[in-house]
Amino acid sequence: MRIDRELNAIGRILKILWDFNLQDRRRIAEYIHERVETTRGLVDAMAEVEHRAKITDSAQEPLLNSGSQGKPGGFRLANDPMEDGDEDDSGGSEGLAFEIDESCAEEAAQ
């Protein structure tokens, strides 16, 4: 039963990551890697990423800034300012701050 939830969580995050460009995928993967110490942590991290993606999909504000050609770009995790020299095709330095909401992660994991 627990393995099914874990595999389901992994499948959901892979589906979400597919929509991001390579630079954004790396940042999200690093975010998850830093926070996952247990299997439960994996499920919680996946649920939070999925929750954030759903919120921004339905919100007025896009999850990613559009680049000059409409390509996604500029996704930044909270406390991850764009540094000088970073390659960014967003056409700007603004991005959505990806912050953890513990209650949402717990809700989604149940």
N, C-alpha and C. Protein backbone atom coordinates (compact mmCIF):
# COMPACT_ATOMS: atom_id res chain seq x y z
N MET A 1 0.83 -1.19 0.00
CA MET A 1 0.00 0.00 0.00
C MET A 1 0.88 1.26 0.00
N ARG A 2 1.90 1.28 0.87
CA ARG A 2 2.77 2.45 0.96
C ARG A 2 3.57 2.62 -0.33
N ILE A 3 4.02 1.51 -0.90
CA ILE A 3 4.80 1.60 -2.13
C ILE A 3 3.95 2.17 -3.26
N ASP A 4 2.66 1.87 -3.28
CA ASP A 4 1.78 2.42 -4.31
C ASP A 4 1.71 3.94 -4.21
N ARG A 5 1.59 4.47 -2.98
CA ARG A 5 1.55 5.93 -2.79
C ARG A 5 2.86 6.56 -3.24
N GLU A 6 3.97 5.90 -2.93
CA GLU A 6 5.27 6.44 -3.32
C GLU A 6 5.42 6.46 -4.84
N LEU A 7 5.06 5.37 -5.48
CA LEU A 7 5.16 5.32 -6.94
C LEU A 7 4.21 6.30 -7.60
N ASN A 8 3.04 6.45 -7.04
CA ASN A 8 2.08 7.41 -7.56
C ASN A 8 2.63 8.83 -7.44
N ALA A 9 3.25 9.14 -6.29
CA ALA A 9 3.83 10.47 -6.09
C ALA A 9 4.95 10.72 -7.10
N ILE A 10 5.79 9.73 -7.32
CA ILE A 10 6.88 9.89 -8.29
C ILE A 10 6.31 10.10 -9.70
N GLY A 11 5.30 9.35 -10.06
CA GLY A 11 4.67 9.52 -11.37
C GLY A 11 4.10 10.92 -11.55
N ARG A 12 3.46 11.45 -10.51
CA ARG A 12 2.88 12.78 -10.59
C ARG A 12 3.96 13.85 -10.77
N ILE A 13 5.06 13.72 -10.04
CA ILE A 13 6.11 14.74 -10.16
C ILE A 13 6.77 14.66 -11.53
N LEU A 14 6.96 13.47 -12.06
CA LEU A 14 7.54 13.36 -13.41
C LEU A 14 6.64 14.01 -14.45
N LYS A 15 5.35 13.83 -14.31
CA LYS A 15 4.40 14.46 -15.23
C LYS A 15 4.48 15.99 -15.15
N ILE A 16 4.58 16.50 -13.94
CA ILE A 16 4.69 17.95 -13.75
C ILE A 16 6.01 18.47 -14.31
N LEU A 17 7.11 17.79 -14.01
CA LEU A 17 8.42 18.25 -14.46
C LEU A 17 8.54 18.29 -15.98
N TRP A 18 7.81 17.44 -16.66
CA TRP A 18 7.87 17.37 -18.12
C TRP A 18 7.56 18.72 -18.76
N ASP A 19 6.71 19.52 -18.10
CA ASP A 19 6.29 20.80 -18.66
C ASP A 19 7.31 21.92 -18.47
N PHE A 20 8.35 21.68 -17.70
CA PHE A 20 9.35 22.72 -17.43
C PHE A 20 10.56 22.56 -18.33
N ASN A 21 11.30 23.66 -18.47
CA ASN A 21 12.54 23.56 -19.23
C ASN A 21 13.62 22.91 -18.35
N LEU A 22 14.76 22.58 -18.92
CA LEU A 22 15.79 21.82 -18.22
C LEU A 22 16.30 22.54 -16.98
N GLN A 23 16.52 23.83 -17.08
CA GLN A 23 17.03 24.59 -15.94
C GLN A 23 16.03 24.54 -14.77
N ASP A 24 14.76 24.69 -15.06
CA ASP A 24 13.74 24.64 -14.02
C ASP A 24 13.61 23.23 -13.44
N ARG A 25 13.73 22.22 -14.27
CA ARG A 25 13.67 20.83 -13.78
C ARG A 25 14.78 20.59 -12.77
N ARG A 26 15.97 21.09 -13.07
CA ARG A 26 17.10 20.90 -12.15
C ARG A 26 16.85 21.59 -10.82
N ARG A 27 16.32 22.79 -10.85
CA ARG A 27 16.05 23.52 -9.61
C ARG A 27 15.00 22.81 -8.76
N ILE A 28 13.95 22.31 -9.39
CA ILE A 28 12.91 21.60 -8.65
C ILE A 28 13.46 20.28 -8.11
N ALA A 29 14.24 19.57 -8.91
CA ALA A 29 14.82 18.31 -8.45
C ALA A 29 15.77 18.54 -7.28
N GLU A 30 16.57 19.62 -7.33
CA GLU A 30 17.46 19.94 -6.21
C GLU A 30 16.65 20.26 -4.96
N TYR A 31 15.57 20.99 -5.13
CA TYR A 31 14.69 21.33 -4.01
C TYR A 31 14.17 20.05 -3.34
N ILE A 32 13.69 19.13 -4.14
CA ILE A 32 13.16 17.88 -3.60
C ILE A 32 14.27 17.07 -2.95
N HIS A 33 15.41 16.97 -3.61
CA HIS A 33 16.53 16.18 -3.10
C HIS A 33 17.00 16.68 -1.74
N GLU A 34 17.05 18.00 -1.55
CA GLU A 34 17.50 18.58 -0.29
C GLU A 34 16.54 18.28 0.86
N ARG A 35 15.27 18.06 0.57
CA ARG A 35 14.26 17.92 1.61
C ARG A 35 13.81 16.49 1.87
N VAL A 36 14.24 15.58 1.03
CA VAL A 36 13.77 14.20 1.17
C VAL A 36 14.80 13.37 1.94
N GLU A 37 14.43 12.98 3.15
CA GLU A 37 15.29 12.11 3.95
C GLU A 37 14.64 10.75 4.16
N THR A 38 13.33 10.70 4.03
CA THR A 38 12.60 9.45 4.23
C THR A 38 11.60 9.27 3.09
N THR A 39 11.02 8.12 3.03
CA THR A 39 10.00 7.86 2.03
C THR A 39 8.83 8.80 2.23
N ARG A 40 8.45 9.04 3.48
CA ARG A 40 7.35 9.96 3.78
C ARG A 40 7.70 11.36 3.27
N GLY A 41 8.96 11.75 3.43
CA GLY A 41 9.40 13.04 2.92
C GLY A 41 9.27 13.13 1.42
N LEU A 42 9.50 12.04 0.72
CA LEU A 42 9.35 12.00 -0.73
C LEU A 42 7.90 12.26 -1.11
N VAL A 43 7.00 11.55 -0.47
CA VAL A 43 5.58 11.72 -0.76
C VAL A 43 5.15 13.16 -0.46
N ASP A 44 5.60 13.71 0.66
CA ASP A 44 5.24 15.08 1.02
C ASP A 44 5.78 16.10 0.02
N ALA A 45 7.03 15.91 -0.40
CA ALA A 45 7.64 16.84 -1.36
C ALA A 45 6.92 16.77 -2.71
N MET A 46 6.59 15.57 -3.15
CA MET A 46 5.88 15.41 -4.41
C MET A 46 4.51 16.06 -4.34
N ALA A 47 3.82 15.86 -3.22
CA ALA A 47 2.49 16.43 -3.06
C ALA A 47 2.55 17.96 -3.08
N GLU A 48 3.58 18.53 -2.47
CA GLU A 48 3.69 19.98 -2.44
C GLU A 48 3.97 20.54 -3.83
N VAL A 49 4.86 19.91 -4.58
CA VAL A 49 5.14 20.38 -5.94
C VAL A 49 3.89 20.27 -6.79
N GLU A 50 3.17 19.16 -6.68
CA GLU A 50 1.94 18.99 -7.45
C GLU A 50 0.90 20.03 -7.05
N HIS A 51 0.78 20.29 -5.77
CA HIS A 51 -0.18 21.28 -5.27
C HIS A 51 0.14 22.66 -5.83
N ARG A 52 1.40 23.04 -5.80
CA ARG A 52 1.81 24.36 -6.33
C ARG A 52 1.54 24.45 -7.82
N ALA A 53 1.77 23.37 -8.54
CA ALA A 53 1.54 23.39 -9.99
C ALA A 53 0.05 23.56 -10.27
N LYS A 54 -0.81 22.89 -9.51
CA LYS A 54 -2.25 23.01 -9.72
C LYS A 54 -2.74 24.41 -9.38
N ILE A 55 -2.23 24.98 -8.30
CA ILE A 55 -2.64 26.33 -7.91
C ILE A 55 -2.31 27.31 -9.03
N THR A 56 -1.10 27.24 -9.54
CA THR A 56 -0.69 28.21 -10.54
C THR A 56 -1.32 27.94 -11.90
N ASP A 57 -1.68 26.68 -12.17
CA ASP A 57 -2.37 26.39 -13.43
C ASP A 57 -3.74 27.07 -13.46
N SER A 58 -4.41 27.11 -12.31
CA SER A 58 -5.75 27.67 -12.27
C SER A 58 -5.76 29.16 -11.92
N ALA A 59 -4.62 29.69 -11.53
CA ALA A 59 -4.55 31.09 -11.11
C ALA A 59 -4.32 32.01 -12.31
N GLN A 60 -4.54 33.28 -12.10
CA GLN A 60 -4.28 34.27 -13.13
C GLN A 60 -2.79 34.36 -13.43
N GLU A 61 -1.96 34.26 -12.40
CA GLU A 61 -0.52 34.39 -12.54
C GLU A 61 0.07 33.07 -13.02
N PRO A 62 0.84 33.07 -14.09
CA PRO A 62 1.39 31.82 -14.60
C PRO A 62 2.49 31.27 -13.69
N LEU A 63 2.66 29.96 -13.71
CA LEU A 63 3.70 29.32 -12.92
C LEU A 63 5.08 29.75 -13.41
N LEU A 64 5.21 29.86 -14.69
CA LEU A 64 6.48 30.28 -15.28
C LEU A 64 6.26 31.55 -16.08
N ASN A 65 7.26 32.39 -16.08
CA ASN A 65 7.21 33.56 -16.95
C ASN A 65 7.43 33.10 -18.38
N SER A 66 6.78 33.73 -19.31
CA SER A 66 6.98 33.37 -20.71
C SER A 66 8.21 34.07 -21.25
N GLY A 67 9.00 33.36 -22.00
CA GLY A 67 10.16 33.95 -22.63
C GLY A 67 9.73 34.74 -23.86
N SER A 68 10.69 35.24 -24.57
CA SER A 68 10.38 36.07 -25.73
C SER A 68 9.63 35.30 -26.81
N GLN A 69 9.80 33.99 -26.83
CA GLN A 69 9.11 33.18 -27.84
C GLN A 69 8.02 32.32 -27.20
N GLY A 70 7.57 32.72 -26.02
CA GLY A 70 6.52 31.97 -25.35
C GLY A 70 7.01 30.71 -24.67
N LYS A 71 8.32 30.52 -24.57
CA LYS A 71 8.86 29.34 -23.91
C LYS A 71 8.86 29.58 -22.41
N PRO A 72 8.69 28.53 -21.61
CA PRO A 72 8.73 28.71 -20.17
C PRO A 72 10.13 29.11 -19.71
N GLY A 73 10.19 29.84 -18.65
CA GLY A 73 11.47 30.23 -18.09
C GLY A 73 11.29 31.09 -16.88
N GLY A 74 12.33 31.25 -16.11
CA GLY A 74 12.30 32.14 -14.98
C GLY A 74 11.72 31.54 -13.71
N PHE A 75 11.52 30.25 -13.66
CA PHE A 75 11.01 29.62 -12.45
C PHE A 75 12.09 29.66 -11.39
N ARG A 76 11.74 30.20 -10.22
CA ARG A 76 12.71 30.24 -9.13
C ARG A 76 12.07 29.71 -7.86
N LEU A 77 12.84 28.91 -7.13
CA LEU A 77 12.37 28.46 -5.84
C LEU A 77 12.52 29.61 -4.86
N ALA A 78 11.81 29.55 -3.74
CA ALA A 78 11.92 30.60 -2.72
C ALA A 78 13.39 30.70 -2.28
N ASN A 79 13.83 31.90 -2.03
CA ASN A 79 15.20 32.17 -1.60
C ASN A 79 16.23 31.71 -2.62
N ASP A 80 15.88 31.76 -3.88
CA ASP A 80 16.79 31.37 -4.96
C ASP A 80 16.84 32.51 -5.96
N PRO A 81 17.47 33.64 -5.60
CA PRO A 81 17.51 34.77 -6.53
C PRO A 81 18.35 34.45 -7.75
N MET A 82 17.96 35.02 -8.86
CA MET A 82 18.75 34.83 -10.07
C MET A 82 20.08 35.56 -9.88
N GLU A 83 21.16 34.85 -10.09
CA GLU A 83 22.48 35.45 -9.93
C GLU A 83 22.93 35.99 -11.28
N ASP A 84 23.82 36.98 -11.23
CA ASP A 84 24.37 37.50 -12.48
C ASP A 84 25.08 36.37 -13.20
N GLY A 85 24.85 36.29 -14.47
CA GLY A 85 25.48 35.26 -15.28
C GLY A 85 24.61 34.03 -15.46
N ASP A 86 23.52 33.91 -14.70
CA ASP A 86 22.62 32.78 -14.90
C ASP A 86 21.96 32.91 -16.26
N GLU A 87 21.90 31.82 -16.98
CA GLU A 87 21.19 31.85 -18.25
C GLU A 87 19.71 31.73 -17.96
N ASP A 88 18.95 32.67 -18.45
CA ASP A 88 17.51 32.68 -18.18
C ASP A 88 16.81 33.21 -19.41
N ASP A 89 15.90 32.42 -19.97
CA ASP A 89 15.20 32.85 -21.17
C ASP A 89 13.85 33.47 -20.85
N SER A 90 13.69 33.96 -19.62
CA SER A 90 12.38 34.46 -19.21
C SER A 90 12.09 35.86 -19.71
N GLY A 91 13.11 36.58 -20.14
CA GLY A 91 12.89 37.95 -20.56
C GLY A 91 12.73 38.88 -19.37
N GLY A 92 13.01 38.40 -18.19
CA GLY A 92 12.91 39.20 -16.98
C GLY A 92 13.45 38.42 -15.81
N SER A 93 13.54 39.09 -14.66
CA SER A 93 14.11 38.42 -13.50
C SER A 93 13.05 37.98 -12.51
N GLU A 94 11.77 38.11 -12.90
CA GLU A 94 10.72 37.75 -11.98
C GLU A 94 10.33 36.30 -12.17
N GLY A 95 9.98 35.66 -11.09
CA GLY A 95 9.51 34.29 -11.15
C GLY A 95 8.65 34.01 -9.94
N LEU A 96 7.96 32.92 -9.94
CA LEU A 96 7.12 32.55 -8.83
C LEU A 96 7.99 32.00 -7.71
N ALA A 97 7.82 32.51 -6.52
CA ALA A 97 8.54 31.96 -5.38
C ALA A 97 7.85 30.68 -4.96
N PHE A 98 8.56 29.60 -5.00
CA PHE A 98 8.00 28.30 -4.65
C PHE A 98 8.24 28.11 -3.17
N GLU A 99 7.19 28.21 -2.37
CA GLU A 99 7.32 28.10 -0.93
C GLU A 99 6.51 26.93 -0.41
N ILE A 100 6.98 26.35 0.65
CA ILE A 100 6.33 25.19 1.24
C ILE A 100 5.16 25.62 2.11
N ASP A 101 4.06 24.97 1.94
CA ASP A 101 2.90 25.13 2.80
C ASP A 101 2.66 23.76 3.41
N GLU A 102 3.12 23.57 4.65
CA GLU A 102 3.09 22.26 5.29
C GLU A 102 1.69 21.64 5.31
N SER A 103 0.67 22.43 5.56
CA SER A 103 -0.68 21.87 5.65
C SER A 103 -1.13 21.30 4.31
N CYS A 104 -0.74 21.94 3.22
CA CYS A 104 -1.12 21.43 1.89
C CYS A 104 -0.41 20.12 1.59
N ALA A 105 0.85 20.01 1.98
CA ALA A 105 1.59 18.78 1.73
C ALA A 105 0.99 17.64 2.53
N GLU A 106 0.62 17.89 3.77
CA GLU A 106 0.02 16.84 4.59
C GLU A 106 -1.33 16.43 4.03
N GLU A 107 -2.13 17.42 3.60
CA GLU A 107 -3.45 17.15 3.04
C GLU A 107 -3.34 16.28 1.79
N ALA A 108 -2.43 16.65 0.90
CA ALA A 108 -2.28 15.94 -0.36
C ALA A 108 -1.73 14.53 -0.17
N ALA A 109 -0.91 14.35 0.87
CA ALA A 109 -0.31 13.04 1.11
C ALA A 109 -1.31 12.04 1.68
N GLN A 110 -2.40 12.54 2.26
CA GLN A 110 -3.37 11.63 2.88
C GLN A 110 -4.31 11.07 1.90
